[in-house]
PDB file of N, CA and C in Angstrom:
ATOM      1  N   MET A   1      92.530 177.732 130.857  1.00  0.00           N
ATOM      2  CA  MET A   1      93.436 176.600 131.219  1.00  0.00           C
ATOM      3  C   MET A   1      93.510 175.765 129.996  1.00  0.00           C
ATOM      4  N   VAL A   2      92.701 175.455 129.517  1.00  0.00           N
ATOM      5  CA  VAL A   2      92.531 174.873 128.065  1.00  0.00           C
ATOM      6  C   VAL A   2      93.467 175.556 127.069  1.00  0.00           C
ATOM      7  N   TYR A   3      93.126 176.923 126.943  1.00  0.00           N
ATOM      8  CA  TYR A   3      93.727 177.763 126.091  1.00  0.00           C
ATOM      9  C   TYR A   3      95.501 177.728 126.361  1.00  0.00           C
ATOM     10  N   GLY A   4      95.855 177.553 127.578  1.00  0.00           N
ATOM     11  CA  GLY A   4      97.102 177.632 127.911  1.00  0.00           C
ATOM     12  C   GLY A   4      97.772 176.394 127.261  1.00  0.00           C
ATOM     13  N   ALA A   5      97.130 175.258 127.537  1.00  0.00           N
ATOM     14  CA  ALA A   5      97.594 174.018 127.130  1.00  0.00           C
ATOM     15  C   ALA A   5      97.851 173.990 125.523  1.00  0.00           C
ATOM     16  N   TYR A   6      96.705 174.592 124.947  1.00  0.00           N
ATOM     17  CA  TYR A   6      96.748 174.527 123.561  1.00  0.00           C
ATOM     18  C   TYR A   6      97.824 175.378 122.894  1.00  0.00           C
ATOM     19  N   TYR A   7      98.121 176.440 123.704  1.00  0.00           N
ATOM     20  CA  TYR A   7      99.302 177.123 123.258  1.00  0.00           C
ATOM     21  C   TYR A   7     100.663 176.762 123.215  1.00  0.00           C
ATOM     22  N   VAL A   8     100.636 175.724 124.144  1.00  0.00           N
ATOM     23  CA  VAL A   8     101.777 175.332 124.416  1.00  0.00           C
ATOM     24  C   VAL A   8     101.796 174.078 123.314  1.00  0.00           C
ATOM     25  N   PHE A   9     100.550 173.232 123.095  1.00  0.00           N
ATOM     26  CA  PHE A   9     100.744 172.441 121.793  1.00  0.00           C
ATOM     27  C   PHE A   9     101.243 172.990 120.614  1.00  0.00           C
ATOM     28  N   LEU A  10     100.937 174.132 120.355  1.00  0.00           N
ATOM     29  CA  LEU A  10     101.005 174.911 119.036  1.00  0.00           C
ATOM     30  C   LEU A  10     102.467 175.485 119.052  1.00  0.00           C
ATOM     31  N   SER A  11     102.869 175.783 120.209  1.00  0.00           N
ATOM     32  CA  SER A  11     104.395 176.730 120.228  1.00  0.00           C
ATOM     33  C   SER A  11     105.391 176.039 119.887  1.00  0.00           C
ATOM     34  N   GLY A  12     105.574 174.741 119.570  1.00  0.00           N
ATOM     35  CA  GLY A  12     106.578 173.889 119.219  1.00  0.00           C
ATOM     36  C   GLY A  12     107.142 173.033 120.364  1.00  0.00           C
ATOM     37  N   ALA A  13     106.063 172.915 121.420  1.00  0.00           N
ATOM     38  CA  ALA A  13     106.676 171.889 122.300  1.00  0.00           C
ATOM     39  C   ALA A  13     106.206 170.294 121.554  1.00  0.00           C
ATOM     40  N   SER A  14     106.743 169.497 122.402  1.00  0.00           N
ATOM     41  CA  SER A  14     106.411 168.239 121.836  1.00  0.00           C
ATOM     42  C   SER A  14     104.723 167.960 122.248  1.00  0.00           C
ATOM     43  N   PRO A  15     104.139 167.180 120.903  1.00  0.00           N
ATOM     44  CA  PRO A  15     102.690 167.066 121.326  1.00  0.00           C
ATOM     45  C   PRO A  15     102.567 166.164 122.141  1.00  0.00           C
ATOM     46  N   ILE A  16     103.319 165.419 122.754  1.00  0.00           N
ATOM     47  CA  ILE A  16     103.003 164.619 123.988  1.00  0.00           C
ATOM     48  C   ILE A  16     102.753 165.500 125.131  1.00  0.00           C
ATOM     49  N   MET A  17     103.647 166.756 125.263  1.00  0.00           N
ATOM     50  CA  MET A  17     103.527 167.477 126.592  1.00  0.00           C
ATOM     51  C   MET A  17     102.181 168.432 126.378  1.00  0.00           C
ATOM     52  N   GLY A  18     101.958 168.788 125.112  1.00  0.00           N
ATOM     53  CA  GLY A  18     100.421 169.267 125.223  1.00  0.00           C
ATOM     54  C   GLY A  18      99.338 168.455 125.405  1.00  0.00           C
ATOM     55  N   ILE A  19      99.487 167.329 125.077  1.00  0.00           N
ATOM     56  CA  ILE A  19      98.204 166.470 125.675  1.00  0.00           C
ATOM     57  C   ILE A  19      98.279 166.010 126.939  1.00  0.00           C
ATOM     58  N   LEU A  20      99.407 165.781 127.568  1.00  0.00           N
ATOM     59  CA  LEU A  20      99.648 165.577 128.801  1.00  0.00           C
ATOM     60  C   LEU A  20      99.122 166.959 129.746  1.00  0.00           C
ATOM     61  N   LEU A  21      99.557 168.050 129.182  1.00  0.00           N
ATOM     62  CA  LEU A  21      98.834 169.166 129.756  1.00  0.00           C
ATOM     63  C   LEU A  21      97.402 169.218 129.971  1.00  0.00           C
ATOM     64  N   VAL A  22      96.769 168.927 128.709  1.00  0.00           N
ATOM     65  CA  VAL A  22      95.215 168.906 128.739  1.00  0.00           C
ATOM     66  C   VAL A  22      94.697 167.926 129.536  1.00  0.00           C
ATOM     67  N   GLY A  23      95.404 166.709 129.362  1.00  0.00           N
ATOM     68  CA  GLY A  23      94.732 165.862 130.590  1.00  0.00           C
ATOM     69  C   GLY A  23      94.990 166.209 131.943  1.00  0.00           C
ATOM     70  N   LEU A  24      96.122 166.696 132.159  1.00  0.00           N
ATOM     71  CA  LEU A  24      96.423 167.195 133.382  1.00  0.00           C
ATOM     72  C   LEU A  24      95.396 168.325 134.089  1.00  0.00           C
ATOM     73  N   VAL A  25      95.059 168.967 133.074  1.00  0.00           N
ATOM     74  CA  VAL A  25      94.217 170.245 133.215  1.00  0.00           C
ATOM     75  C   VAL A  25      92.594 169.548 133.591  1.00  0.00           C
ATOM     76  N   VAL A  26      92.345 168.882 132.615  1.00  0.00           N
ATOM     77  CA  VAL A  26      90.734 168.140 132.794  1.00  0.00           C
ATOM     78  C   VAL A  26      90.776 167.385 133.985  1.00  0.00           C
ATOM     79  N   GLY A  27      91.799 166.412 134.251  1.00  0.00           N
ATOM     80  CA  GLY A  27      91.938 165.664 135.316  1.00  0.00           C
ATOM     81  C   GLY A  27      91.733 166.440 136.497  1.00  0.00           C
ATOM     82  N   GLY A  28      92.577 167.603 136.811  1.00  0.00           N
ATOM     83  CA  GLY A  28      92.585 168.490 138.063  1.00  0.00           C
ATOM     84  C   GLY A  28      91.047 168.962 138.175  1.00  0.00           C
ATOM     85  N   VAL A  29      90.488 169.444 137.071  1.00  0.00           N
ATOM     86  CA  VAL A  29      89.028 170.185 137.508  1.00  0.00           C
ATOM     87  C   VAL A  29      88.299 168.768 137.901  1.00  0.00           C
ATOM     88  N   VAL A  30      88.297 167.769 137.179  1.00  0.00           N
ATOM     89  CA  VAL A  30      87.314 166.645 137.740  1.00  0.00           C
ATOM     90  C   VAL A  30      87.719 166.387 139.307  1.00  0.00           C
ATOM     91  N   LEU A  31      88.938 166.297 139.438  1.00  0.00           N
ATOM     92  CA  LEU A  31      89.182 165.951 140.931  1.00  0.00           C
ATOM     93  C   LEU A  31      88.810 167.030 141.833  1.00  0.00           C
ATOM     94  N   ASN A  32      89.083 168.116 141.395  1.00  0.00           N
ATOM     95  CA  ASN A  32      88.391 169.169 142.349  1.00  0.00           C
ATOM     96  C   ASN A  32      87.050 169.223 142.554  1.00  0.00           C
ATOM     97  N   LEU A  33      86.174 168.722 141.420  1.00  0.00           N
ATOM     98  CA  LEU A  33      84.767 169.011 141.646  1.00  0.00           C
ATOM     99  C   LEU A  33      84.459 167.697 142.947  1.00  0.00           C
ATOM    100  N   ARG A  34      85.378 166.682 142.848  1.00  0.00           N
ATOM    101  CA  ARG A  34      84.946 165.523 143.612  1.00  0.00           C
ATOM    102  C   ARG A  34      85.382 166.171 144.705  1.00  0.00           C
ATOM    103  N   LEU A  35      86.559 166.681 144.951  1.00  0.00           N
ATOM    104  CA  LEU A  35      87.174 167.201 146.354  1.00  0.00           C
ATOM    105  C   LEU A  35      86.172 168.225 146.883  1.00  0.00           C
ATOM    106  N   ILE A  36      85.624 168.899 146.206  1.00  0.00           N
ATOM    107  CA  ILE A  36      84.777 170.202 146.704  1.00  0.00           C
ATOM    108  C   ILE A  36      83.351 169.407 147.168  1.00  0.00           C
ATOM    109  N   ARG A  37      83.056 168.593 146.888  1.00  0.00           N
ATOM    110  CA  ARG A  37      81.822 167.922 147.258  1.00  0.00           C
ATOM    111  C   ARG A  37      82.001 167.041 148.538  1.00  0.00           C
ATOM    112  N   GLN A  38      83.243 166.509 148.739  1.00  0.00           N
ATOM    113  CA  GLN A  38      83.464 165.612 149.851  1.00  0.00           C
ATOM    114  C   GLN A  38      84.196 166.593 151.014  1.00  0.00           C
ATOM    115  N   VAL A  39      85.071 167.387 150.502  1.00  0.00           N
ATOM    116  CA  VAL A  39      85.546 168.137 151.771  1.00  0.00           C
ATOM    117  C   VAL A  39      84.712 169.480 152.227  1.00  0.00           C
ATOM    118  N   LYS A  40      84.614 169.603 153.285  1.00  0.00           N
ATOM    119  CA  LYS A  40      83.908 170.607 154.096  1.00  0.00           C
ATOM    120  C   LYS A  40      84.660 172.001 154.036  1.00  0.00           C
ATOM    121  N   LYS A  41      86.087 171.592 154.036  1.00  0.00           N
ATOM    122  CA  LYS A  41      86.715 172.949 153.932  1.00  0.00           C
ATOM    123  C   LYS A  41      86.868 173.322 152.372  1.00  0.00           C
ATOM    124  N   LYS A  42      86.018 174.178 151.522  1.00  0.00           N
ATOM    125  CA  LYS A  42      86.348 174.025 150.170  1.00  0.00           C
ATOM    126  C   LYS A  42      87.306 174.763 149.719  1.00  0.00           C
ATOM    127  N   LEU A  43      87.953 175.689 150.671  1.00  0.00           N
ATOM    128  CA  LEU A  43      89.128 176.782 150.302  1.00  0.00           C
ATOM    129  C   LEU A  43      90.197 175.794 149.612  1.00  0.00           C
ATOM    130  N   GLY A  44      90.470 174.905 150.491  1.00  0.00           N
ATOM    131  CA  GLY A  44      91.732 174.112 149.920  1.00  0.00           C
ATOM    132  C   GLY A  44      91.547 173.507 148.528  1.00  0.00           C
ATOM    133  N   ALA A  45      90.543 172.905 148.224  1.00  0.00           N
ATOM    134  CA  ALA A  45      90.175 172.429 147.040  1.00  0.00           C
ATOM    135  C   ALA A  45      90.241 173.609 145.739  1.00  0.00           C
ATOM    136  N   TRP A  46      89.635 174.330 146.235  1.00  0.00           N
ATOM    137  CA  TRP A  46      89.807 175.636 145.201  1.00  0.00           C
ATOM    138  C   TRP A  46      91.185 176.153 144.954  1.00  0.00           C
ATOM    139  N   LEU A  47      92.073 176.267 146.087  1.00  0.00           N
ATOM    140  CA  LEU A  47      93.241 176.721 145.938  1.00  0.00           C
ATOM    141  C   LEU A  47      94.191 175.615 144.962  1.00  0.00           C
ATOM    142  N   PHE A  48      93.664 174.239 145.323  1.00  0.00           N
ATOM    143  CA  PHE A  48      94.490 173.381 144.636  1.00  0.00           C
ATOM    144  C   PHE A  48      94.118 173.468 143.032  1.00  0.00           C
ATOM    145  N   LEU A  49      92.907 173.773 142.760  1.00  0.00           N
ATOM    146  CA  LEU A  49      92.425 173.990 141.323  1.00  0.00           C
ATOM    147  C   LEU A  49      92.890 175.349 140.614  1.00  0.00           C
ATOM    148  N   ILE A  50      93.306 176.248 141.456  1.00  0.00           N
ATOM    149  CA  ILE A  50      93.606 177.717 141.060  1.00  0.00           C
ATOM    150  C   ILE A  50      95.254 177.330 140.662  1.00  0.00           C
ATOM    151  N   ILE A  51      96.034 176.591 141.608  1.00  0.00           N
ATOM    152  CA  ILE A  51      97.439 176.540 141.546  1.00  0.00           C
ATOM    153  C   ILE A  51      97.595 175.439 140.140  1.00  0.00           C
ATOM    154  N   VAL A  52      96.937 174.597 140.227  1.00  0.00           N
ATOM    155  CA  VAL A  52      97.234 173.594 139.084  1.00  0.00           C
ATOM    156  C   VAL A  52      96.782 174.046 137.748  1.00  0.00           C
ATOM    157  N   GLY A  53      95.211 174.335 137.879  1.00  0.00           N
ATOM    158  CA  GLY A  53      94.737 174.570 136.576  1.00  0.00           C
ATOM    159  C   GLY A  53      95.244 175.919 135.935  1.00  0.00           C
ATOM    160  N   PHE A  54      95.507 176.781 136.615  1.00  0.00           N
ATOM    161  CA  PHE A  54      96.072 178.140 136.046  1.00  0.00           C
ATOM    162  C   PHE A  54      97.576 178.246 135.984  1.00  0.00           C
ATOM    163  N   GLY A  55      98.143 177.603 137.311  1.00  0.00           N
ATOM    164  CA  GLY A  55      99.567 177.972 137.350  1.00  0.00           C
ATOM    165  C   GLY A  55     100.628 177.128 136.593  1.00  0.00           C
ATOM    166  N   MET A  56      99.999 175.574 136.043  1.00  0.00           N
ATOM    167  CA  MET A  56     100.859 175.094 135.281  1.00  0.00           C
ATOM    168  C   MET A  56     100.813 175.508 133.912  1.00  0.00           C
ATOM    169  N   PRO A  57      99.693 175.868 133.322  1.00  0.00           N
ATOM    170  CA  PRO A  57      99.840 176.494 131.706  1.00  0.00           C
ATOM    171  C   PRO A  57     100.800 177.656 131.733  1.00  0.00           C
ATOM    172  N   ILE A  58     100.402 178.527 132.695  1.00  0.00           N
ATOM    173  CA  ILE A  58     100.980 179.817 132.691  1.00  0.00           C
ATOM    174  C   ILE A  58     102.709 179.582 133.105  1.00  0.00           C
ATOM    175  N   TYR A  59     102.978 178.622 133.897  1.00  0.00           N
ATOM    176  CA  TYR A  59     104.532 178.414 133.818  1.00  0.00           C
ATOM    177  C   TYR A  59     105.078 177.757 133.043  1.00  0.00           C
ATOM    178  N   LEU A  60     104.401 177.002 131.883  1.00  0.00           N
ATOM    179  CA  LEU A  60     104.829 176.309 130.762  1.00  0.00           C
ATOM    180  C   LEU A  60     105.000 177.041 129.699  1.00  0.00           C
ATOM    181  N   ILE A  61     103.959 178.294 129.521  1.00  0.00           N
ATOM    182  CA  ILE A  61     103.907 179.482 128.612  1.00  0.00           C
ATOM    183  C   ILE A  61     105.332 180.339 128.678  1.00  0.00           C
ATOM    184  N   ILE A  62     105.558 180.541 129.943  1.00  0.00           N
ATOM    185  CA  ILE A  62     106.758 181.078 130.419  1.00  0.00           C
ATOM    186  C   ILE A  62     107.855 180.469 129.970  1.00  0.00           C
ATOM    187  N   GLN A  63     108.065 179.317 130.484  1.00  0.00           N
ATOM    188  CA  GLN A  63     109.071 178.352 130.059  1.00  0.00           C
ATOM    189  C   GLN A  63     109.305 178.188 128.615  1.00  0.00           C
ATOM    190  N   ASN A  64     108.228 178.231 127.947  1.00  0.00           N
ATOM    191  CA  ASN A  64     108.259 178.043 126.439  1.00  0.00           C
ATOM    192  C   ASN A  64     108.380 179.280 125.628  1.00  0.00           C
ATOM    193  N   SER A  65     108.220 180.532 126.160  1.00  0.00           N
ATOM    194  CA  SER A  65     108.312 181.791 125.309  1.00  0.00           C
ATOM    195  C   SER A  65     109.652 182.220 124.778  1.00  0.00           C
ATOM    196  N   ASP A  66     110.689 181.684 125.538  1.00  0.00           N
ATOM    197  CA  ASP A  66     111.916 181.909 125.017  1.00  0.00           C
ATOM    198  C   ASP A  66     112.281 180.979 123.838  1.00  0.00           C
ATOM    199  N   HIS A  67     111.800 179.757 123.911  1.00  0.00           N
ATOM    200  CA  HIS A  67     112.158 178.724 122.778  1.00  0.00           C
ATOM    201  C   HIS A  67     111.407 179.265 121.480  1.00  0.00           C
ATOM    202  N   VAL A  68     110.191 180.060 121.612  1.00  0.00           N
ATOM    203  CA  VAL A  68     109.292 180.448 120.577  1.00  0.00           C
ATOM    204  C   VAL A  68     110.101 181.716 120.014  1.00  0.00           C
ATOM    205  N   GLN A  69     110.478 182.641 120.973  1.00  0.00           N
ATOM    206  CA  GLN A  69     111.314 183.812 120.517  1.00  0.00           C
ATOM    207  C   GLN A  69     112.519 183.370 119.641  1.00  0.00           C
ATOM    208  N   GLU A  70     113.201 182.447 120.097  1.00  0.00           N
ATOM    209  CA  GLU A  70     114.326 181.983 119.535  1.00  0.00           C
ATOM    210  C   GLU A  70     114.122 181.787 118.077  1.00  0.00           C
ATOM    211  N   GLU A  71     112.895 180.889 117.682  1.00  0.00           N
ATOM    212  CA  GLU A  71     112.584 180.519 116.349  1.00  0.00           C
ATOM    213  C   GLU A  71     111.945 181.603 115.662  1.00  0.00           C
ATOM    214  N   ALA A  72     111.330 182.511 116.060  1.00  0.00           N
ATOM    215  CA  ALA A  72     110.721 183.556 115.542  1.00  0.00           C
ATOM    216  C   ALA A  72     111.956 184.610 114.856  1.00  0.00           C
ATOM    217  N   ASN A  73     112.955 184.829 115.657  1.00  0.00           N
ATOM    218  CA  ASN A  73     113.976 185.679 115.548  1.00  0.00           C
ATOM    219  C   ASN A  73     115.232 184.927 115.271  1.00  0.00           C
ATOM    220  N   PRO A  74     115.604 184.372 114.251  1.00  0.00           N
ATOM    221  CA  PRO A  74     116.929 183.583 113.975  1.00  0.00           C
ATOM    222  C   PRO A  74     118.004 184.582 113.953  1.00  0.00           C
ATOM    223  N   PRO A  75     118.944 183.994 114.750  1.00  0.00           N
ATOM    224  CA  PRO A  75     120.329 185.075 114.780  1.00  0.00           C
ATOM    225  C   PRO A  75     120.819 185.347 113.504  1.00  0.00           C
ATOM    226  N   LEU A  76     121.105 186.620 113.412  1.00  0.00           N
ATOM    227  CA  LEU A  76     121.554 187.191 112.254  1.00  0.00           C
ATOM    228  C   LEU A  76     122.968 186.826 112.090  1.00  0.00           C
ATOM    229  N   ARG A  77     123.230 186.646 110.523  1.00  0.00           N
ATOM    230  CA  ARG A  77     124.632 186.133 110.197  1.00  0.00           C
ATOM    231  C   ARG A  77     125.524 187.253 110.263  1.00  0.00           C
ATOM    232  N   TYR A  78     126.758 186.983 110.544  1.00  0.00           N
ATOM    233  CA  TYR A  78     127.879 187.982 110.460  1.00  0.00           C
ATOM    234  C   TYR A  78     128.322 188.200 109.187  1.00  0.00           C
ATOM    235  N   GLU A  79     128.856 189.365 108.953  1.00  0.00           N
ATOM    236  CA  GLU A  79     129.320 189.577 107.293  1.00  0.00           C
ATOM    237  C   GLU A  79     130.496 188.587 107.010  1.00  0.00           C
ATOM    238  N   SER A  80     131.263 188.050 107.772  1.00  0.00           N
ATOM    239  CA  SER A  80     132.264 186.968 107.334  1.00  0.00           C
ATOM    240  C   SER A  80     131.678 185.632 107.323  1.00  0.00           C
ATOM    241  N   GLU A  81     130.270 185.610 107.737  1.00  0.00           N
ATOM    242  CA  GLU A  81     129.711 184.179 107.302  1.00  0.00           C
ATOM    243  C   GLU A  81     128.539 184.251 106.285  1.00  0.00           C
ATOM    244  N   ALA A  82     128.643 185.482 105.825  1.00  0.00           N
ATOM    245  CA  ALA A  82     127.889 185.747 104.478  1.00  0.00           C
ATOM    246  C   ALA A  82     128.296 184.794 103.247  1.00  0.00           C
ATOM    247  N   PRO A  83     127.294 184.099 102.650  1.00  0.00           N
ATOM    248  CA  PRO A  83     127.812 183.164 101.513  1.00  0.00           C
ATOM    249  C   PRO A  83     128.309 183.980 100.419  1.00  0.00           C
ATOM    250  N   ASP A  84     129.259 183.479  99.586  1.00  0.00           N
ATOM    251  CA  ASP A  84     129.998 184.052  98.541  1.00  0.00           C
ATOM    252  C   ASP A  84     129.188 184.137  97.386  1.00  0.00           C
TER     253      ASP A  84
END
């Protein structure tokens, strides 16, 4: 989970987004530890933990992968645009 947030932070997304994602993941884990203690039906809390903790970083990595790919492979110049 933290690796996903760290990847988003390093991959060129805004630093604020990376920090918010780390806070979201840590807050989700803490919240779920409290929910698991209080709620008798632990399945709901675990599902929430899995969806938020793992789904959000994966979603952001997928969204950000196109952005990283474009920076890694800049468009080629056409021959007519080549400097003289």
